[in-house]
Amino acid sequence: MSEQPTYTIKEAAQVRADELSKKRKEKVVAIVVDDKAAFFRKPRRAEISYAMTLLDKDPLGAYGSILSATFLEGDRGILDDDDYFMSAAPLANQLITQRAAEILK
């Protein structure tokens, strides 16, 4: 009988993120905090716009709005437990990707 390979939480999260990316046909990323993993998609323009209205007065609210809006599956403790949320919140910025742009004269 062959043994199943054992994965670390990070390895298992990466495998699941790749599966979700293929299934959804969009980039899905995992945020791992200690023993918890949650999966997020790229935020839409309206979600970013709303978060930006909160940024000056409530930065944690802005991060929370992005993470809540883009959450797909996984351990909700990353969103609901303050200790996990405080670790994950700064990563919300990394969900917002930009392409390189330039003006040609």
N, C-alpha and C. Protein backbone atom coordinates (compact mmCIF):
# COMPACT_ATOMS: atom_id res chain seq x y z
N MET A 1 0.84 -1.17 0.00
CA MET A 1 0.00 0.00 0.00
C MET A 1 0.89 1.24 0.00
N SER A 2 0.63 2.15 -0.93
CA SER A 2 1.45 3.36 -0.99
C SER A 2 0.88 4.43 -0.07
N GLU A 3 1.79 5.19 0.49
CA GLU A 3 1.38 6.26 1.39
C GLU A 3 1.02 7.51 0.61
N GLN A 4 0.03 8.25 1.10
CA GLN A 4 -0.31 9.53 0.52
C GLN A 4 0.80 10.52 0.86
N PRO A 5 1.15 11.38 -0.07
CA PRO A 5 2.17 12.38 0.24
C PRO A 5 1.62 13.34 1.30
N THR A 6 2.50 13.77 2.18
CA THR A 6 2.08 14.73 3.19
C THR A 6 2.52 16.11 2.73
N TYR A 7 1.61 17.05 2.86
CA TYR A 7 1.86 18.42 2.44
C TYR A 7 1.87 19.33 3.65
N THR A 8 2.67 20.36 3.58
CA THR A 8 2.57 21.41 4.58
C THR A 8 1.33 22.23 4.24
N ILE A 9 0.88 23.04 5.16
CA ILE A 9 -0.29 23.89 4.90
C ILE A 9 -0.03 24.80 3.70
N LYS A 10 1.19 25.30 3.57
CA LYS A 10 1.51 26.17 2.43
C LYS A 10 1.44 25.42 1.12
N GLU A 11 1.98 24.21 1.09
CA GLU A 11 1.96 23.41 -0.13
C GLU A 11 0.53 23.04 -0.52
N ALA A 12 -0.26 22.62 0.45
CA ALA A 12 -1.65 22.26 0.18
C ALA A 12 -2.44 23.47 -0.30
N ALA A 13 -2.19 24.63 0.30
CA ALA A 13 -2.88 25.86 -0.11
C ALA A 13 -2.51 26.24 -1.53
N GLN A 14 -1.25 26.08 -1.91
CA GLN A 14 -0.84 26.41 -3.27
C GLN A 14 -1.50 25.49 -4.28
N VAL A 15 -1.57 24.20 -3.96
CA VAL A 15 -2.23 23.24 -4.85
C VAL A 15 -3.70 23.63 -5.02
N ARG A 16 -4.38 23.96 -3.92
CA ARG A 16 -5.80 24.33 -4.00
C ARG A 16 -5.98 25.65 -4.77
N ALA A 17 -5.10 26.61 -4.55
CA ALA A 17 -5.18 27.88 -5.29
C ALA A 17 -5.03 27.64 -6.78
N ASP A 18 -4.12 26.78 -7.17
CA ASP A 18 -3.94 26.45 -8.58
C ASP A 18 -5.20 25.78 -9.15
N GLU A 19 -5.81 24.86 -8.38
CA GLU A 19 -7.04 24.20 -8.83
C GLU A 19 -8.16 25.22 -9.02
N LEU A 20 -8.32 26.11 -8.06
CA LEU A 20 -9.36 27.13 -8.16
C LEU A 20 -9.12 28.08 -9.33
N SER A 21 -7.86 28.43 -9.56
CA SER A 21 -7.53 29.30 -10.69
C SER A 21 -7.95 28.67 -12.00
N LYS A 22 -7.67 27.39 -12.18
CA LYS A 22 -8.05 26.69 -13.41
C LYS A 22 -9.57 26.60 -13.53
N LYS A 23 -10.23 26.26 -12.44
CA LYS A 23 -11.69 26.10 -12.44
C LYS A 23 -12.39 27.43 -12.73
N ARG A 24 -11.94 28.51 -12.11
CA ARG A 24 -12.59 29.81 -12.23
C ARG A 24 -12.09 30.62 -13.43
N LYS A 25 -10.98 30.19 -14.02
CA LYS A 25 -10.36 30.91 -15.14
C LYS A 25 -9.97 32.34 -14.77
N GLU A 26 -9.51 32.50 -13.55
CA GLU A 26 -8.94 33.75 -13.06
C GLU A 26 -7.97 33.41 -11.94
N LYS A 27 -7.06 34.32 -11.68
CA LYS A 27 -6.04 34.07 -10.67
C LYS A 27 -6.67 34.02 -9.27
N VAL A 28 -6.38 32.95 -8.55
CA VAL A 28 -6.80 32.80 -7.16
C VAL A 28 -5.54 32.65 -6.34
N VAL A 29 -5.49 33.37 -5.22
CA VAL A 29 -4.33 33.29 -4.33
C VAL A 29 -4.77 32.79 -2.97
N ALA A 30 -3.82 32.21 -2.27
CA ALA A 30 -4.06 31.75 -0.91
C ALA A 30 -3.35 32.69 0.05
N ILE A 31 -4.02 32.98 1.15
CA ILE A 31 -3.37 33.65 2.27
C ILE A 31 -3.32 32.64 3.39
N VAL A 32 -2.11 32.38 3.86
CA VAL A 32 -1.89 31.40 4.92
C VAL A 32 -1.39 32.14 6.15
N VAL A 33 -2.07 31.91 7.27
CA VAL A 33 -1.64 32.46 8.55
C VAL A 33 -1.61 31.29 9.53
N ASP A 34 -0.43 30.95 9.99
CA ASP A 34 -0.23 29.82 10.89
C ASP A 34 -0.86 28.56 10.31
N ASP A 35 -1.94 28.08 10.93
CA ASP A 35 -2.56 26.82 10.53
C ASP A 35 -3.82 27.02 9.70
N LYS A 36 -4.07 28.23 9.23
CA LYS A 36 -5.28 28.53 8.48
C LYS A 36 -4.94 29.01 7.07
N ALA A 37 -5.80 28.65 6.13
CA ALA A 37 -5.63 29.10 4.75
C ALA A 37 -6.98 29.53 4.21
N ALA A 38 -6.97 30.62 3.46
CA ALA A 38 -8.18 31.11 2.80
C ALA A 38 -7.81 31.52 1.38
N PHE A 39 -8.79 31.50 0.49
CA PHE A 39 -8.55 31.71 -0.93
C PHE A 39 -9.33 32.92 -1.43
N PHE A 40 -8.65 33.74 -2.23
CA PHE A 40 -9.18 35.02 -2.66
C PHE A 40 -8.95 35.21 -4.16
N ARG A 41 -9.90 35.91 -4.78
CA ARG A 41 -9.76 36.29 -6.19
C ARG A 41 -9.32 37.75 -6.25
N LYS A 42 -9.00 38.19 -7.45
CA LYS A 42 -8.63 39.59 -7.68
C LYS A 42 -9.88 40.46 -7.50
N PRO A 43 -9.77 41.59 -6.81
CA PRO A 43 -10.95 42.44 -6.62
C PRO A 43 -11.37 43.15 -7.91
N ARG A 44 -12.65 43.42 -8.00
CA ARG A 44 -13.22 44.15 -9.12
C ARG A 44 -13.07 45.65 -8.87
N ARG A 45 -13.26 46.44 -9.90
CA ARG A 45 -13.09 47.89 -9.81
C ARG A 45 -14.00 48.50 -8.74
N ALA A 46 -15.26 48.10 -8.69
CA ALA A 46 -16.20 48.66 -7.71
C ALA A 46 -15.76 48.33 -6.28
N GLU A 47 -15.19 47.15 -6.07
CA GLU A 47 -14.72 46.76 -4.74
C GLU A 47 -13.51 47.58 -4.33
N ILE A 48 -12.63 47.84 -5.27
CA ILE A 48 -11.46 48.67 -4.99
C ILE A 48 -11.90 50.10 -4.72
N SER A 49 -12.83 50.59 -5.51
CA SER A 49 -13.34 51.95 -5.34
C SER A 49 -13.93 52.14 -3.94
N TYR A 50 -14.74 51.20 -3.51
CA TYR A 50 -15.33 51.30 -2.18
C TYR A 50 -14.25 51.28 -1.10
N ALA A 51 -13.29 50.38 -1.22
CA ALA A 51 -12.22 50.29 -0.23
C ALA A 51 -11.43 51.60 -0.16
N MET A 52 -11.23 52.23 -1.30
CA MET A 52 -10.47 53.48 -1.32
C MET A 52 -11.20 54.61 -0.59
N THR A 53 -12.54 54.55 -0.55
CA THR A 53 -13.29 55.57 0.21
C THR A 53 -13.05 55.42 1.70
N LEU A 54 -12.68 54.23 2.14
CA LEU A 54 -12.44 53.98 3.56
C LEU A 54 -10.99 54.21 3.97
N LEU A 55 -10.10 54.21 3.01
CA LEU A 55 -8.67 54.15 3.29
C LEU A 55 -8.17 55.22 4.25
N ASP A 56 -8.56 56.47 4.08
CA ASP A 56 -8.04 57.54 4.93
C ASP A 56 -8.53 57.45 6.37
N LYS A 57 -9.79 57.14 6.56
CA LYS A 57 -10.37 57.15 7.90
C LYS A 57 -10.35 55.79 8.59
N ASP A 58 -10.36 54.72 7.82
CA ASP A 58 -10.45 53.38 8.39
C ASP A 58 -9.67 52.37 7.55
N PRO A 59 -8.34 52.41 7.65
CA PRO A 59 -7.53 51.50 6.82
C PRO A 59 -7.87 50.02 7.04
N LEU A 60 -8.11 49.62 8.28
CA LEU A 60 -8.46 48.22 8.52
C LEU A 60 -9.80 47.88 7.88
N GLY A 61 -10.71 48.83 7.88
CA GLY A 61 -11.99 48.63 7.21
C GLY A 61 -11.81 48.46 5.71
N ALA A 62 -10.89 49.23 5.15
CA ALA A 62 -10.59 49.11 3.72
C ALA A 62 -10.03 47.73 3.41
N TYR A 63 -9.07 47.29 4.21
CA TYR A 63 -8.51 45.94 4.00
C TYR A 63 -9.60 44.88 4.17
N GLY A 64 -10.40 45.04 5.21
CA GLY A 64 -11.47 44.08 5.47
C GLY A 64 -12.47 44.01 4.34
N SER A 65 -12.79 45.16 3.76
CA SER A 65 -13.77 45.16 2.66
C SER A 65 -13.21 44.41 1.45
N ILE A 66 -11.94 44.61 1.16
CA ILE A 66 -11.32 43.88 0.03
C ILE A 66 -11.29 42.38 0.31
N LEU A 67 -10.84 42.01 1.50
CA LEU A 67 -10.74 40.58 1.82
C LEU A 67 -12.12 39.92 1.84
N SER A 68 -13.10 40.58 2.42
CA SER A 68 -14.46 40.01 2.48
C SER A 68 -15.07 39.88 1.09
N ALA A 69 -14.88 40.89 0.26
CA ALA A 69 -15.47 40.87 -1.08
C ALA A 69 -14.84 39.81 -1.98
N THR A 70 -13.58 39.49 -1.75
CA THR A 70 -12.88 38.59 -2.66
C THR A 70 -12.72 37.17 -2.11
N PHE A 71 -13.19 36.94 -0.89
CA PHE A 71 -13.08 35.62 -0.25
C PHE A 71 -13.86 34.59 -1.06
N LEU A 72 -13.23 33.47 -1.36
CA LEU A 72 -13.87 32.39 -2.10
C LEU A 72 -14.19 31.20 -1.21
N GLU A 73 -13.20 30.75 -0.49
CA GLU A 73 -13.37 29.58 0.38
C GLU A 73 -12.19 29.50 1.33
N GLY A 74 -12.31 28.58 2.26
CA GLY A 74 -11.22 28.37 3.21
C GLY A 74 -11.66 28.71 4.62
N ASP A 75 -10.70 28.93 5.45
CA ASP A 75 -10.97 29.17 6.86
C ASP A 75 -11.36 30.63 7.09
N ARG A 76 -12.62 30.85 7.44
CA ARG A 76 -13.11 32.21 7.68
C ARG A 76 -12.47 32.84 8.91
N GLY A 77 -11.77 32.06 9.71
CA GLY A 77 -11.07 32.60 10.86
C GLY A 77 -10.08 33.68 10.47
N ILE A 78 -9.57 33.60 9.26
CA ILE A 78 -8.64 34.63 8.78
C ILE A 78 -9.35 35.98 8.68
N LEU A 79 -10.65 35.97 8.41
CA LEU A 79 -11.41 37.21 8.34
C LEU A 79 -12.04 37.58 9.68
N ASP A 80 -12.44 36.59 10.46
CA ASP A 80 -13.24 36.83 11.65
C ASP A 80 -12.45 36.93 12.95
N ASP A 81 -11.32 36.27 13.05
CA ASP A 81 -10.52 36.28 14.27
C ASP A 81 -9.51 37.44 14.17
N ASP A 82 -9.55 38.34 15.13
CA ASP A 82 -8.71 39.54 15.07
C ASP A 82 -7.22 39.23 14.91
N ASP A 83 -6.72 38.23 15.61
CA ASP A 83 -5.29 37.91 15.51
C ASP A 83 -4.91 37.48 14.10
N TYR A 84 -5.73 36.64 13.48
CA TYR A 84 -5.45 36.20 12.12
C TYR A 84 -5.67 37.34 11.13
N PHE A 85 -6.74 38.10 11.34
CA PHE A 85 -7.05 39.21 10.43
C PHE A 85 -5.92 40.24 10.40
N MET A 86 -5.37 40.56 11.57
CA MET A 86 -4.30 41.56 11.63
C MET A 86 -3.06 41.11 10.84
N SER A 87 -2.86 39.82 10.74
CA SER A 87 -1.75 39.30 9.94
C SER A 87 -2.07 39.31 8.45
N ALA A 88 -3.32 39.04 8.11
CA ALA A 88 -3.72 38.95 6.71
C ALA A 88 -4.03 40.31 6.08
N ALA A 89 -4.53 41.24 6.87
CA ALA A 89 -5.02 42.52 6.34
C ALA A 89 -4.03 43.25 5.43
N PRO A 90 -2.76 43.40 5.83
CA PRO A 90 -1.83 44.13 4.96
C PRO A 90 -1.63 43.47 3.58
N LEU A 91 -1.96 42.20 3.46
CA LEU A 91 -1.79 41.51 2.18
C LEU A 91 -2.89 41.85 1.19
N ALA A 92 -3.95 42.53 1.65
CA ALA A 92 -5.03 42.92 0.75
C ALA A 92 -4.51 43.77 -0.40
N ASN A 93 -3.51 44.61 -0.12
CA ASN A 93 -2.92 45.44 -1.18
C ASN A 93 -2.36 44.59 -2.31
N GLN A 94 -1.83 43.43 -1.98
CA GLN A 94 -1.22 42.58 -3.00
C GLN A 94 -2.25 41.91 -3.90
N LEU A 95 -3.52 41.91 -3.48
CA LEU A 95 -4.57 41.36 -4.34
C LEU A 95 -4.86 42.29 -5.51
N ILE A 96 -4.53 43.57 -5.32
CA ILE A 96 -4.77 44.57 -6.35
C ILE A 96 -3.53 44.65 -7.22
N THR A 97 -3.61 44.03 -8.38
CA THR A 97 -2.45 44.01 -9.28
C THR A 97 -2.64 45.05 -10.36
N GLN A 98 -1.54 45.53 -10.86
CA GLN A 98 -1.58 46.52 -11.92
C GLN A 98 -0.64 46.10 -13.03
N ARG A 99 -1.03 46.43 -14.21
CA ARG A 99 -0.15 46.21 -15.37
C ARG A 99 0.71 47.46 -15.55
N ALA A 100 1.82 47.29 -16.15
CA ALA A 100 2.68 48.42 -16.45
C ALA A 100 2.04 49.25 -17.56
N ALA A 101 2.03 50.56 -17.37
CA ALA A 101 1.45 51.46 -18.37
C ALA A 101 2.42 52.61 -18.60
N GLU A 102 2.38 53.17 -19.77
CA GLU A 102 3.23 54.31 -20.06
C GLU A 102 2.58 55.16 -21.13
N ILE A 103 2.95 56.42 -21.13
CA ILE A 103 2.48 57.36 -22.15
C ILE A 103 3.60 57.53 -23.15
N LEU A 104 3.28 57.35 -24.41
CA LEU A 104 4.26 57.54 -25.47
C LEU A 104 3.98 58.89 -26.14
N LYS A 105 5.03 59.67 -26.33
CA LYS A 105 4.88 61.01 -26.94
C LYS A 105 5.45 61.02 -28.32
